[in-house]
């Protein structure tokens, strides 16, 4: 009986230690979770990221969102901005084609390929010598290399049918995106020490997405 209790105690200690070790992630893995969550809208990655962050930041500092809803809201936002530039009747008639176009546009963004070039520790004196892991990474997107040069104002004059055709053609070209464009960016992971362990986090993942958004949309013709 004594041996059984000892075995159970050792098993429990091992399980606790194993659980703890699973919560200690290298900076490259933490960066991957941020990238997959906020660039690729992957809910599983966000759940894993929150599961990691809760250990040292607490539940109140995790990311409370549904990425599927965030994706839909982004598509709706771009669709509404575009339709607002059209006459009311034309906008109503072209809503489906515009929505399809922006779905493909955002889907191509989500499918970005990322590779980490290097990770180095730097000191942020402005933050009282806060140590930061600076992630230098390269992202590639697929864009269309051969998009018809059409003038939107001329298409507006052609009426709703012409606009729907224009949007359908643009969507087809996006689906056949065949040109690769690349950008090199940096992302900071702030370090938090807990004994011998180091945790990594960034409270503003918008820093990751807005630069990539700017680059991507500059390369969409």
N, C-alpha and C. Protein backbone atom coordinates (compact mmCIF):
# COMPACT_ATOMS: atom_id res chain seq x y z
N UNK A 1 0.84 -1.20 0.00
CA UNK A 1 0.00 0.00 0.00
C UNK A 1 0.88 1.25 0.00
N UNK A 2 1.96 1.20 0.81
CA UNK A 2 2.88 2.32 0.88
C UNK A 2 3.54 2.57 -0.48
N UNK A 3 3.93 1.46 -1.13
CA UNK A 3 4.56 1.58 -2.46
C UNK A 3 3.59 2.18 -3.48
N UNK A 4 2.31 1.83 -3.36
CA UNK A 4 1.31 2.36 -4.28
C UNK A 4 1.15 3.87 -4.10
N UNK A 5 1.13 4.32 -2.82
CA UNK A 5 1.00 5.76 -2.56
C UNK A 5 2.22 6.51 -3.08
N UNK A 6 3.38 5.91 -2.93
CA UNK A 6 4.62 6.55 -3.44
C UNK A 6 4.58 6.66 -4.95
N UNK A 7 4.10 5.59 -5.59
CA UNK A 7 4.01 5.58 -7.06
C UNK A 7 3.05 6.66 -7.54
N UNK A 8 1.88 6.77 -6.87
CA UNK A 8 0.88 7.77 -7.26
C UNK A 8 1.43 9.18 -7.07
N UNK A 9 2.17 9.40 -5.97
CA UNK A 9 2.76 10.71 -5.70
C UNK A 9 3.78 11.08 -6.78
N UNK A 10 4.62 10.12 -7.14
CA UNK A 10 5.63 10.37 -8.18
C UNK A 10 4.97 10.65 -9.53
N UNK A 11 3.91 9.89 -9.82
CA UNK A 11 3.18 10.09 -11.07
C UNK A 11 2.56 11.48 -11.12
N UNK A 12 2.01 11.94 -9.97
CA UNK A 12 1.40 13.25 -9.90
C UNK A 12 2.44 14.35 -10.10
N UNK A 13 3.59 14.19 -9.45
CA UNK A 13 4.67 15.17 -9.59
C UNK A 13 5.17 15.24 -11.03
N UNK A 14 5.27 14.08 -11.65
CA UNK A 14 5.72 14.02 -13.04
C UNK A 14 4.71 14.72 -13.97
N UNK A 15 3.43 14.50 -13.70
CA UNK A 15 2.38 15.10 -14.53
C UNK A 15 2.39 16.61 -14.39
N UNK A 16 2.60 17.10 -13.16
CA UNK A 16 2.64 18.54 -12.94
C UNK A 16 3.83 19.15 -13.66
N UNK A 17 4.97 18.49 -13.55
CA UNK A 17 6.17 18.98 -14.21
C UNK A 17 6.02 18.97 -15.73
N UNK A 18 5.40 17.90 -16.24
CA UNK A 18 5.19 17.78 -17.67
C UNK A 18 4.24 18.87 -18.19
N UNK A 19 3.18 19.15 -17.39
CA UNK A 19 2.23 20.19 -17.76
C UNK A 19 2.92 21.55 -17.78
N UNK A 20 3.78 21.78 -16.80
CA UNK A 20 4.51 23.04 -16.74
C UNK A 20 5.41 23.20 -17.96
N UNK A 21 6.12 22.12 -18.32
CA UNK A 21 7.04 22.20 -19.44
C UNK A 21 6.32 22.47 -20.76
N UNK A 22 5.06 22.00 -20.86
CA UNK A 22 4.29 22.25 -22.07
C UNK A 22 3.93 23.73 -22.22
N UNK A 23 3.92 24.46 -21.09
CA UNK A 23 3.57 25.87 -21.11
C UNK A 23 4.78 26.77 -21.33
N UNK A 24 5.97 26.20 -21.41
CA UNK A 24 7.18 26.96 -21.70
C UNK A 24 7.48 26.81 -23.18
N UNK A 25 7.29 27.89 -23.93
CA UNK A 25 7.46 27.84 -25.37
C UNK A 25 8.63 28.71 -25.82
N UNK A 26 9.34 28.29 -26.86
CA UNK A 26 10.41 29.12 -27.41
C UNK A 26 9.79 30.30 -28.16
N UNK A 27 10.56 31.37 -28.36
CA UNK A 27 9.99 32.57 -29.01
C UNK A 27 9.48 32.31 -30.41
N UNK A 28 10.13 31.41 -31.17
CA UNK A 28 9.67 31.15 -32.53
C UNK A 28 8.28 30.53 -32.55
N UNK A 29 7.97 29.68 -31.56
CA UNK A 29 6.65 29.07 -31.47
C UNK A 29 5.61 30.12 -31.08
N UNK A 30 5.97 31.00 -30.15
CA UNK A 30 5.04 32.06 -29.74
C UNK A 30 4.74 32.98 -30.92
N UNK A 31 5.78 33.32 -31.68
CA UNK A 31 5.56 34.16 -32.86
C UNK A 31 4.62 33.47 -33.85
N UNK A 32 4.83 32.18 -34.08
CA UNK A 32 3.96 31.42 -34.99
C UNK A 32 2.51 31.51 -34.55
N UNK A 33 2.27 31.43 -33.24
CA UNK A 33 0.90 31.51 -32.73
C UNK A 33 0.29 32.88 -33.00
N UNK A 34 1.08 33.93 -32.81
CA UNK A 34 0.59 35.28 -33.13
C UNK A 34 0.30 35.41 -34.62
N UNK A 35 1.21 34.94 -35.45
CA UNK A 35 1.05 35.08 -36.90
C UNK A 35 -0.17 34.29 -37.38
N UNK A 36 -0.29 33.05 -36.95
CA UNK A 36 -1.41 32.22 -37.39
C UNK A 36 -2.74 32.76 -36.88
N UNK A 37 -2.72 33.36 -35.70
CA UNK A 37 -3.96 33.89 -35.14
C UNK A 37 -4.42 35.15 -35.86
N UNK A 38 -3.52 36.11 -36.02
CA UNK A 38 -3.93 37.45 -36.46
C UNK A 38 -3.69 37.73 -37.94
N UNK A 39 -2.93 36.89 -38.62
CA UNK A 39 -2.77 37.03 -40.07
C UNK A 39 -3.61 35.98 -40.79
N UNK A 40 -3.63 34.76 -40.24
CA UNK A 40 -4.36 33.67 -40.89
C UNK A 40 -5.74 33.40 -40.29
N UNK A 41 -6.11 34.16 -39.27
CA UNK A 41 -7.43 34.03 -38.64
C UNK A 41 -7.71 32.60 -38.18
N UNK A 42 -6.72 31.96 -37.59
CA UNK A 42 -6.86 30.57 -37.16
C UNK A 42 -7.27 30.51 -35.69
N UNK A 43 -8.51 30.08 -35.45
CA UNK A 43 -9.04 30.06 -34.07
C UNK A 43 -8.29 29.07 -33.18
N UNK A 44 -7.85 27.95 -33.72
CA UNK A 44 -7.11 26.97 -32.91
C UNK A 44 -5.80 27.57 -32.40
N UNK A 45 -5.13 28.34 -33.24
CA UNK A 45 -3.89 29.00 -32.81
C UNK A 45 -4.17 30.03 -31.74
N UNK A 46 -5.29 30.75 -31.87
CA UNK A 46 -5.63 31.75 -30.86
C UNK A 46 -5.92 31.08 -29.52
N UNK A 47 -6.61 29.94 -29.55
CA UNK A 47 -6.88 29.21 -28.31
C UNK A 47 -5.58 28.76 -27.65
N UNK A 48 -4.64 28.27 -28.48
CA UNK A 48 -3.36 27.83 -27.95
C UNK A 48 -2.56 29.02 -27.40
N UNK A 49 -2.63 30.15 -28.09
CA UNK A 49 -1.94 31.35 -27.62
C UNK A 49 -2.51 31.81 -26.29
N UNK A 50 -3.83 31.84 -26.17
CA UNK A 50 -4.46 32.24 -24.92
C UNK A 50 -4.13 31.27 -23.79
N UNK A 51 -4.08 29.99 -24.10
CA UNK A 51 -3.72 28.97 -23.11
C UNK A 51 -2.31 29.21 -22.59
N UNK A 52 -1.45 29.72 -23.44
CA UNK A 52 -0.07 30.04 -23.05
C UNK A 52 -0.03 31.34 -22.25
N UNK A 53 -0.70 32.38 -22.73
CA UNK A 53 -0.64 33.70 -22.09
C UNK A 53 -1.26 33.70 -20.70
N UNK A 54 -2.29 32.89 -20.51
CA UNK A 54 -3.01 32.90 -19.23
C UNK A 54 -2.12 32.50 -18.06
N UNK A 55 -1.04 31.76 -18.35
CA UNK A 55 -0.15 31.28 -17.30
C UNK A 55 0.63 32.40 -16.62
N UNK A 56 0.89 33.48 -17.34
CA UNK A 56 1.69 34.54 -16.73
C UNK A 56 1.07 35.93 -16.85
N UNK A 57 0.02 36.07 -17.67
CA UNK A 57 -0.66 37.36 -17.78
C UNK A 57 -2.03 37.36 -17.12
N UNK A 58 -2.59 36.16 -16.90
CA UNK A 58 -3.93 36.08 -16.33
C UNK A 58 -4.99 36.11 -17.41
N UNK A 59 -6.16 35.60 -17.10
CA UNK A 59 -7.24 35.46 -18.07
C UNK A 59 -7.69 36.81 -18.61
N UNK A 60 -7.61 37.86 -17.77
CA UNK A 60 -8.11 39.17 -18.20
C UNK A 60 -7.26 39.78 -19.32
N UNK A 61 -6.06 39.26 -19.53
CA UNK A 61 -5.18 39.81 -20.56
C UNK A 61 -5.04 38.89 -21.78
N UNK A 62 -5.96 37.94 -21.92
CA UNK A 62 -5.96 37.10 -23.12
C UNK A 62 -6.80 37.79 -24.20
N UNK A 63 -6.75 37.24 -25.41
CA UNK A 63 -7.44 37.86 -26.54
C UNK A 63 -8.85 37.29 -26.67
N UNK A 64 -9.84 38.13 -26.43
CA UNK A 64 -11.24 37.70 -26.40
C UNK A 64 -11.91 38.07 -27.72
N UNK A 65 -11.87 37.16 -28.67
CA UNK A 65 -12.49 37.42 -29.97
C UNK A 65 -12.74 36.10 -30.67
N UNK A 66 -13.63 36.15 -31.61
CA UNK A 66 -13.87 35.02 -32.50
C UNK A 66 -13.31 35.40 -33.86
N UNK A 67 -12.26 34.70 -34.30
CA UNK A 67 -11.58 35.10 -35.53
C UNK A 67 -12.44 34.89 -36.77
N UNK A 68 -13.36 33.94 -36.71
CA UNK A 68 -14.30 33.77 -37.81
C UNK A 68 -15.16 35.02 -37.98
N UNK A 69 -15.61 35.58 -36.86
CA UNK A 69 -16.39 36.82 -36.89
C UNK A 69 -15.53 37.99 -37.36
N UNK A 70 -14.27 38.02 -36.91
CA UNK A 70 -13.35 39.09 -37.30
C UNK A 70 -13.13 39.07 -38.81
N UNK A 71 -12.96 37.87 -39.36
CA UNK A 71 -12.79 37.72 -40.82
C UNK A 71 -14.02 38.25 -41.55
N UNK A 72 -15.20 37.85 -41.11
CA UNK A 72 -16.45 38.28 -41.76
C UNK A 72 -16.60 39.80 -41.67
N UNK A 73 -16.27 40.37 -40.51
CA UNK A 73 -16.40 41.81 -40.32
C UNK A 73 -15.46 42.56 -41.26
N UNK A 74 -14.28 41.99 -41.48
CA UNK A 74 -13.33 42.65 -42.38
C UNK A 74 -13.82 42.62 -43.82
N UNK A 75 -14.35 41.48 -44.24
CA UNK A 75 -14.91 41.39 -45.59
C UNK A 75 -16.06 42.38 -45.74
N UNK A 76 -16.94 42.42 -44.74
CA UNK A 76 -18.10 43.33 -44.79
C UNK A 76 -17.63 44.79 -44.85
N UNK A 77 -16.58 45.10 -44.08
CA UNK A 77 -16.08 46.48 -44.05
C UNK A 77 -15.60 46.92 -45.44
N UNK A 78 -14.76 46.12 -46.07
CA UNK A 78 -14.25 46.47 -47.39
C UNK A 78 -15.36 46.52 -48.44
N UNK A 79 -16.30 45.58 -48.31
CA UNK A 79 -17.43 45.56 -49.25
C UNK A 79 -18.25 46.83 -49.15
N UNK A 80 -18.54 47.24 -47.93
CA UNK A 80 -19.36 48.45 -47.74
C UNK A 80 -18.63 49.70 -48.20
N UNK A 81 -17.32 49.75 -47.96
CA UNK A 81 -16.53 50.91 -48.42
C UNK A 81 -16.61 51.01 -49.95
N UNK A 82 -16.45 49.87 -50.62
CA UNK A 82 -16.50 49.87 -52.08
C UNK A 82 -17.90 50.25 -52.58
N UNK A 83 -18.92 49.63 -52.02
CA UNK A 83 -20.29 49.89 -52.49
C UNK A 83 -20.71 51.34 -52.24
N UNK A 84 -20.12 51.97 -51.22
CA UNK A 84 -20.48 53.36 -50.91
C UNK A 84 -20.04 54.32 -52.00
N UNK A 85 -19.13 53.88 -52.87
CA UNK A 85 -18.66 54.73 -53.97
C UNK A 85 -19.55 54.61 -55.21
N UNK A 86 -20.52 53.69 -55.16
CA UNK A 86 -21.38 53.45 -56.32
C UNK A 86 -22.75 54.09 -56.11
N UNK A 87 -23.46 54.36 -57.19
CA UNK A 87 -24.86 54.79 -57.06
C UNK A 87 -25.66 53.73 -56.30
N UNK A 88 -26.67 54.14 -55.59
CA UNK A 88 -27.43 53.24 -54.71
C UNK A 88 -27.95 52.00 -55.42
N UNK A 89 -28.60 52.18 -56.56
CA UNK A 89 -29.16 51.04 -57.29
C UNK A 89 -28.07 50.08 -57.77
N UNK A 90 -26.96 50.63 -58.24
CA UNK A 90 -25.85 49.79 -58.69
C UNK A 90 -25.23 49.03 -57.52
N UNK A 91 -25.08 49.70 -56.38
CA UNK A 91 -24.49 49.07 -55.19
C UNK A 91 -25.33 47.88 -54.75
N UNK A 92 -26.65 48.04 -54.74
CA UNK A 92 -27.54 46.95 -54.34
C UNK A 92 -27.44 45.78 -55.30
N UNK A 93 -27.32 46.07 -56.58
CA UNK A 93 -27.27 45.03 -57.61
C UNK A 93 -25.94 44.27 -57.59
N UNK A 94 -24.86 44.94 -57.14
CA UNK A 94 -23.52 44.35 -57.22
C UNK A 94 -23.00 43.82 -55.89
N UNK A 95 -23.82 43.80 -54.86
CA UNK A 95 -23.34 43.44 -53.52
C UNK A 95 -22.75 42.03 -53.48
N UNK A 96 -23.41 41.07 -54.13
CA UNK A 96 -22.93 39.69 -54.09
C UNK A 96 -21.55 39.58 -54.74
N UNK A 97 -21.39 40.20 -55.90
CA UNK A 97 -20.10 40.13 -56.61
C UNK A 97 -19.00 40.84 -55.82
N UNK A 98 -19.35 41.96 -55.19
CA UNK A 98 -18.36 42.69 -54.39
C UNK A 98 -17.94 41.88 -53.17
N UNK A 99 -18.90 41.23 -52.53
CA UNK A 99 -18.59 40.39 -51.36
C UNK A 99 -17.68 39.23 -51.76
N UNK A 100 -17.98 38.59 -52.89
CA UNK A 100 -17.15 37.48 -53.36
C UNK A 100 -15.72 37.94 -53.64
N UNK A 101 -15.60 39.13 -54.24
CA UNK A 101 -14.27 39.67 -54.55
C UNK A 101 -13.46 39.87 -53.27
N UNK A 102 -14.05 40.49 -52.27
CA UNK A 102 -13.29 40.78 -51.05
C UNK A 102 -13.05 39.53 -50.21
N UNK A 103 -13.91 38.53 -50.33
CA UNK A 103 -13.63 37.24 -49.68
C UNK A 103 -12.34 36.64 -50.23
N UNK A 104 -12.21 36.63 -51.57
CA UNK A 104 -11.01 36.08 -52.20
C UNK A 104 -9.80 36.94 -51.86
N UNK A 105 -9.98 38.25 -51.83
CA UNK A 105 -8.90 39.17 -51.50
C UNK A 105 -8.33 38.87 -50.11
N UNK A 106 -9.22 38.70 -49.13
CA UNK A 106 -8.77 38.41 -47.76
C UNK A 106 -8.27 36.98 -47.64
N UNK A 107 -8.86 36.06 -48.39
CA UNK A 107 -8.38 34.67 -48.37
C UNK A 107 -6.94 34.59 -48.86
N UNK A 108 -6.60 35.33 -49.90
CA UNK A 108 -5.22 35.35 -50.39
C UNK A 108 -4.27 35.91 -49.34
N UNK A 109 -4.74 36.91 -48.60
CA UNK A 109 -3.93 37.47 -47.51
C UNK A 109 -3.70 36.41 -46.42
N UNK A 110 -4.76 35.68 -46.10
CA UNK A 110 -4.67 34.63 -45.06
C UNK A 110 -3.67 33.54 -45.42
N UNK A 111 -3.49 33.32 -46.70
CA UNK A 111 -2.62 32.23 -47.15
C UNK A 111 -1.15 32.64 -47.27
N UNK A 112 -0.80 33.74 -46.66
CA UNK A 112 0.59 34.22 -46.68
C UNK A 112 1.54 33.17 -46.12
N UNK A 113 2.72 33.08 -46.71
CA UNK A 113 3.77 32.18 -46.24
C UNK A 113 4.77 32.99 -45.42
N UNK A 114 5.19 32.43 -44.30
CA UNK A 114 6.08 33.17 -43.40
C UNK A 114 7.28 32.31 -43.02
N UNK A 115 8.45 32.94 -43.00
CA UNK A 115 9.66 32.26 -42.53
C UNK A 115 10.45 33.21 -41.63
N UNK A 116 10.92 32.70 -40.51
CA UNK A 116 11.69 33.50 -39.57
C UNK A 116 13.14 33.56 -40.04
N UNK A 117 13.67 34.77 -40.15
CA UNK A 117 15.06 34.95 -40.58
C UNK A 117 16.02 34.84 -39.39
N UNK A 118 15.66 35.51 -38.29
CA UNK A 118 16.48 35.44 -37.08
C UNK A 118 15.69 36.00 -35.90
N UNK A 119 16.13 35.64 -34.70
CA UNK A 119 15.56 36.17 -33.47
C UNK A 119 16.72 36.60 -32.58
N UNK A 120 16.69 37.84 -32.13
CA UNK A 120 17.78 38.32 -31.28
C UNK A 120 17.22 39.11 -30.10
N UNK A 121 17.91 39.01 -28.97
CA UNK A 121 17.50 39.74 -27.78
C UNK A 121 18.09 41.14 -27.81
N UNK A 122 17.26 42.14 -27.52
CA UNK A 122 17.71 43.53 -27.46
C UNK A 122 17.17 44.16 -26.18
N UNK A 123 17.81 45.25 -25.77
CA UNK A 123 17.39 45.98 -24.58
C UNK A 123 16.58 47.21 -24.99
N UNK A 124 15.43 47.40 -24.36
CA UNK A 124 14.61 48.58 -24.60
C UNK A 124 14.77 49.53 -23.42
N UNK A 125 15.71 50.47 -23.53
CA UNK A 125 15.98 51.38 -22.41
C UNK A 125 14.79 52.26 -22.08
N UNK A 126 14.00 52.57 -23.12
CA UNK A 126 12.83 53.41 -22.89
C UNK A 126 11.82 52.71 -21.97
N UNK A 127 11.91 51.37 -21.90
CA UNK A 127 11.02 50.59 -21.02
C UNK A 127 11.78 50.05 -19.83
N UNK A 128 12.72 50.87 -19.31
CA UNK A 128 13.51 50.50 -18.13
C UNK A 128 14.26 49.20 -18.34
N UNK A 129 15.00 49.17 -19.47
CA UNK A 129 15.85 48.03 -19.80
C UNK A 129 15.07 46.73 -19.99
N UNK A 130 13.84 46.86 -20.45
CA UNK A 130 13.04 45.68 -20.78
C UNK A 130 13.75 44.86 -21.86
N UNK A 131 13.91 43.57 -21.64
CA UNK A 131 14.55 42.73 -22.64
C UNK A 131 13.49 42.22 -23.62
N UNK A 132 13.81 42.31 -24.88
CA UNK A 132 12.86 41.99 -25.94
C UNK A 132 13.50 41.02 -26.93
N UNK A 133 12.71 40.05 -27.38
CA UNK A 133 13.15 39.18 -28.47
C UNK A 133 12.61 39.77 -29.77
N UNK A 134 13.51 40.28 -30.60
CA UNK A 134 13.12 40.88 -31.87
C UNK A 134 13.11 39.81 -32.96
N UNK A 135 11.94 39.56 -33.52
CA UNK A 135 11.78 38.54 -34.55
C UNK A 135 11.84 39.21 -35.93
N UNK A 136 12.82 38.83 -36.72
CA UNK A 136 12.92 39.31 -38.10
C UNK A 136 12.38 38.20 -38.99
N UNK A 137 11.37 38.51 -39.78
CA UNK A 137 10.71 37.47 -40.56
C UNK A 137 10.38 37.96 -41.96
N UNK A 138 10.21 37.02 -42.86
CA UNK A 138 9.85 37.33 -44.25
C UNK A 138 8.49 36.72 -44.56
N UNK A 139 7.65 37.51 -45.20
CA UNK A 139 6.31 37.05 -45.58
C UNK A 139 6.14 37.19 -47.09
N UNK A 140 5.57 36.18 -47.70
CA UNK A 140 5.29 36.24 -49.14
C UNK A 140 3.79 36.08 -49.38
N UNK A 141 3.30 36.86 -50.35
CA UNK A 141 1.90 36.83 -50.74
C UNK A 141 1.81 36.51 -52.23
N UNK A 142 0.69 35.90 -52.61
CA UNK A 142 0.39 35.72 -54.02
C UNK A 142 -0.52 36.85 -54.50
N UNK A 143 -0.13 37.47 -55.61
CA UNK A 143 -0.96 38.51 -56.21
C UNK A 143 -1.06 38.23 -57.71
N UNK A 144 -1.96 38.92 -58.36
CA UNK A 144 -2.15 38.73 -59.80
C UNK A 144 -1.11 39.52 -60.58
N UNK A 145 -0.53 38.90 -61.59
CA UNK A 145 0.47 39.58 -62.42
C UNK A 145 -0.13 40.21 -63.66
N UNK A 146 -1.36 39.82 -64.00
CA UNK A 146 -1.95 40.30 -65.25
C UNK A 146 -3.41 40.66 -65.03
N UNK A 147 -3.62 41.89 -64.54
CA UNK A 147 -4.98 42.36 -64.29
C UNK A 147 -5.35 43.37 -65.37
N UNK A 148 -6.53 43.22 -65.98
CA UNK A 148 -6.94 44.17 -67.03
C UNK A 148 -6.95 45.61 -66.52
N UNK A 149 -6.42 46.52 -67.31
CA UNK A 149 -6.41 47.92 -66.94
C UNK A 149 -7.74 48.55 -67.35
N UNK A 150 -8.62 48.67 -66.40
CA UNK A 150 -9.94 49.24 -66.65
C UNK A 150 -10.14 50.44 -65.74
N UNK A 151 -10.85 51.43 -66.21
CA UNK A 151 -11.11 52.63 -65.43
C UNK A 151 -12.48 52.51 -64.75
N UNK A 152 -12.47 52.57 -63.43
CA UNK A 152 -13.69 52.33 -62.65
C UNK A 152 -14.80 53.32 -63.03
N UNK A 153 -14.44 54.58 -63.33
CA UNK A 153 -15.47 55.56 -63.68
C UNK A 153 -16.16 55.21 -65.00
N UNK A 154 -15.39 54.68 -65.95
CA UNK A 154 -15.98 54.25 -67.22
C UNK A 154 -16.92 53.06 -67.01
N UNK A 155 -16.52 52.17 -66.09
CA UNK A 155 -17.35 50.99 -65.80
C UNK A 155 -18.65 51.41 -65.13
N UNK A 156 -18.58 52.42 -64.26
CA UNK A 156 -19.79 52.93 -63.61
C UNK A 156 -20.79 53.43 -64.65
N UNK A 157 -20.27 54.08 -65.67
CA UNK A 157 -21.15 54.61 -66.71
C UNK A 157 -21.83 53.49 -67.50
N UNK A 158 -21.19 52.31 -67.51
CA UNK A 158 -21.75 51.19 -68.26
C UNK A 158 -22.94 50.54 -67.58
N UNK A 159 -23.17 50.86 -66.30
CA UNK A 159 -24.31 50.31 -65.59
C UNK A 159 -23.96 49.11 -64.72
N UNK A 160 -24.99 48.56 -64.06
CA UNK A 160 -24.80 47.48 -63.10
C UNK A 160 -24.25 46.21 -63.73
N UNK A 161 -24.71 45.88 -64.92
CA UNK A 161 -24.23 44.67 -65.59
C UNK A 161 -22.73 44.74 -65.85
N UNK A 162 -22.27 45.89 -66.29
CA UNK A 162 -20.84 46.08 -66.56
C UNK A 162 -20.03 46.00 -65.26
N UNK A 163 -20.57 46.56 -64.19
CA UNK A 163 -19.87 46.52 -62.91
C UNK A 163 -19.80 45.09 -62.36
N UNK A 164 -20.89 44.34 -62.48
CA UNK A 164 -20.88 42.95 -62.02
C UNK A 164 -19.84 42.14 -62.79
N UNK A 165 -19.79 42.35 -64.10
CA UNK A 165 -18.80 41.63 -64.93
C UNK A 165 -17.37 42.02 -64.51
N UNK A 166 -17.17 43.28 -64.27
CA UNK A 166 -15.86 43.78 -63.83
C UNK A 166 -15.43 43.10 -62.53
N UNK A 167 -16.33 43.01 -61.57
CA UNK A 167 -16.01 42.39 -60.27
C UNK A 167 -15.78 40.89 -60.42
N UNK A 168 -16.56 40.24 -61.27
CA UNK A 168 -16.35 38.80 -61.50
C UNK A 168 -14.98 38.54 -62.14
N UNK A 169 -14.60 39.39 -63.09
CA UNK A 169 -13.30 39.24 -63.75
C UNK A 169 -12.16 39.45 -62.75
N UNK A 170 -12.29 40.47 -61.89
CA UNK A 170 -11.26 40.72 -60.88
C UNK A 170 -11.13 39.53 -59.93
N UNK A 171 -12.26 38.96 -59.57
CA UNK A 171 -12.26 37.81 -58.65
C UNK A 171 -11.55 36.62 -59.28
N UNK A 172 -11.80 36.38 -60.56
CA UNK A 172 -11.13 35.27 -61.27
C UNK A 172 -9.63 35.49 -61.29
N UNK A 173 -9.19 36.72 -61.57
CA UNK A 173 -7.77 37.02 -61.60
C UNK A 173 -7.13 36.80 -60.22
N UNK A 174 -7.86 37.18 -59.16
CA UNK A 174 -7.34 36.97 -57.81
C UNK A 174 -7.20 35.49 -57.49
N UNK A 175 -8.16 34.71 -57.91
CA UNK A 175 -8.11 33.27 -57.66
C UNK A 175 -6.94 32.62 -58.39
N UNK A 176 -6.53 33.24 -59.51
CA UNK A 176 -5.42 32.71 -60.29
C UNK A 176 -4.11 33.44 -59.99
N UNK A 177 -4.03 34.05 -58.82
CA UNK A 177 -2.84 34.82 -58.45
C UNK A 177 -1.58 33.99 -58.68
N UNK A 178 -0.64 34.54 -59.46
CA UNK A 178 0.53 33.77 -59.87
C UNK A 178 1.85 34.48 -59.62
N UNK A 179 1.81 35.64 -59.01
CA UNK A 179 3.02 36.41 -58.76
C UNK A 179 3.31 36.43 -57.26
N UNK A 180 4.56 36.23 -56.87
CA UNK A 180 4.95 36.23 -55.46
C UNK A 180 5.62 37.56 -55.12
N UNK A 181 5.12 38.21 -54.08
CA UNK A 181 5.75 39.43 -53.57
C UNK A 181 6.15 39.17 -52.12
N UNK A 182 7.30 39.71 -51.71
CA UNK A 182 7.84 39.42 -50.39
C UNK A 182 8.17 40.70 -49.64
N UNK A 183 8.07 40.63 -48.33
CA UNK A 183 8.44 41.75 -47.47
C UNK A 183 9.11 41.21 -46.22
N UNK A 184 10.09 41.95 -45.72
CA UNK A 184 10.76 41.59 -44.46
C UNK A 184 10.29 42.55 -43.38
N UNK A 185 9.88 41.99 -42.25
CA UNK A 185 9.32 42.78 -41.17
C UNK A 185 9.94 42.37 -39.84
N UNK A 186 9.65 43.17 -38.80
CA UNK A 186 10.11 42.86 -37.44
C UNK A 186 8.91 42.86 -36.49
N UNK A 187 8.99 42.00 -35.49
CA UNK A 187 7.93 41.91 -34.49
C UNK A 187 8.58 41.66 -33.14
N UNK A 188 8.20 42.45 -32.14
CA UNK A 188 8.80 42.33 -30.82
C UNK A 188 8.01 41.41 -29.91
N UNK A 189 8.71 40.51 -29.25
CA UNK A 189 8.13 39.68 -28.20
C UNK A 189 8.77 40.09 -26.88
N UNK A 190 7.98 40.65 -25.98
CA UNK A 190 8.50 41.11 -24.71
C UNK A 190 8.70 39.93 -23.77
N UNK A 191 9.82 39.94 -23.08
CA UNK A 191 10.18 38.81 -22.23
C UNK A 191 9.70 39.05 -20.79
N UNK A 192 9.20 37.99 -20.19
CA UNK A 192 8.81 38.03 -18.79
C UNK A 192 9.47 36.85 -18.09
N UNK A 193 10.29 37.15 -17.08
CA UNK A 193 11.03 36.12 -16.37
C UNK A 193 10.22 35.58 -15.20
N UNK A 194 10.31 34.28 -15.01
CA UNK A 194 9.70 33.62 -13.85
C UNK A 194 10.65 32.52 -13.40
N UNK A 195 11.56 32.88 -12.48
CA UNK A 195 12.60 31.93 -12.09
C UNK A 195 13.54 31.68 -13.25
N UNK A 196 13.71 30.43 -13.61
CA UNK A 196 14.58 30.08 -14.74
C UNK A 196 13.84 30.12 -16.08
N UNK A 197 12.54 30.35 -16.03
CA UNK A 197 11.73 30.31 -17.26
C UNK A 197 11.54 31.71 -17.84
N UNK A 198 11.40 31.76 -19.15
CA UNK A 198 11.14 33.02 -19.85
C UNK A 198 9.88 32.87 -20.69
N UNK A 199 8.96 33.82 -20.52
CA UNK A 199 7.73 33.84 -21.31
C UNK A 199 7.81 35.01 -22.31
N UNK A 200 7.05 34.88 -23.40
CA UNK A 200 7.10 35.88 -24.46
C UNK A 200 5.69 36.33 -24.82
N UNK A 201 5.54 37.63 -25.07
CA UNK A 201 4.21 38.12 -25.41
C UNK A 201 4.30 39.49 -26.08
N UNK A 202 3.22 39.88 -26.74
CA UNK A 202 3.08 41.21 -27.31
C UNK A 202 1.62 41.61 -27.15
N UNK A 203 1.39 42.70 -26.46
CA UNK A 203 0.02 43.12 -26.17
C UNK A 203 -0.68 43.80 -27.33
N UNK A 204 0.06 44.10 -28.41
CA UNK A 204 -0.56 44.78 -29.56
C UNK A 204 -0.27 44.09 -30.87
N UNK A 205 -0.93 42.96 -31.14
CA UNK A 205 -0.67 42.25 -32.39
C UNK A 205 -1.05 43.04 -33.63
N UNK A 206 -1.75 44.19 -33.44
CA UNK A 206 -2.04 45.06 -34.58
C UNK A 206 -0.75 45.49 -35.27
N UNK A 207 0.33 45.59 -34.46
CA UNK A 207 1.65 45.93 -35.00
C UNK A 207 2.07 44.94 -36.07
N UNK A 208 1.67 43.69 -35.89
CA UNK A 208 2.01 42.64 -36.85
C UNK A 208 1.19 42.78 -38.13
N UNK A 209 -0.09 43.10 -37.99
CA UNK A 209 -0.99 43.06 -39.15
C UNK A 209 -1.01 44.32 -39.99
N UNK A 210 -0.90 45.49 -39.37
CA UNK A 210 -1.11 46.70 -40.17
C UNK A 210 0.00 46.91 -41.20
N UNK A 211 1.23 46.55 -40.86
CA UNK A 211 2.33 46.68 -41.83
C UNK A 211 2.15 45.69 -42.99
N UNK A 212 1.71 44.48 -42.66
CA UNK A 212 1.48 43.49 -43.71
C UNK A 212 0.29 43.88 -44.59
N UNK A 213 -0.74 44.43 -43.97
CA UNK A 213 -1.88 44.91 -44.75
C UNK A 213 -1.45 45.99 -45.74
N UNK A 214 -0.65 46.92 -45.24
CA UNK A 214 -0.20 48.03 -46.08
C UNK A 214 0.59 47.50 -47.28
N UNK A 215 1.50 46.56 -47.04
CA UNK A 215 2.30 46.00 -48.12
C UNK A 215 1.43 45.22 -49.12
N UNK A 216 0.53 44.40 -48.59
CA UNK A 216 -0.30 43.56 -49.44
C UNK A 216 -1.18 44.40 -50.37
N UNK A 217 -1.84 45.41 -49.83
CA UNK A 217 -2.77 46.20 -50.63
C UNK A 217 -2.03 47.10 -51.64
N UNK A 218 -0.80 47.44 -51.34
CA UNK A 218 -0.01 48.20 -52.31
C UNK A 218 0.30 47.35 -53.54
N UNK A 219 0.33 46.03 -53.35
CA UNK A 219 0.70 45.12 -54.45
C UNK A 219 -0.51 44.50 -55.14
N UNK A 220 -1.71 44.85 -54.69
CA UNK A 220 -2.93 44.41 -55.37
C UNK A 220 -3.28 45.44 -56.42
N UNK A 221 -3.33 45.04 -57.65
CA UNK A 221 -3.61 45.99 -58.74
C UNK A 221 -5.11 46.07 -59.01
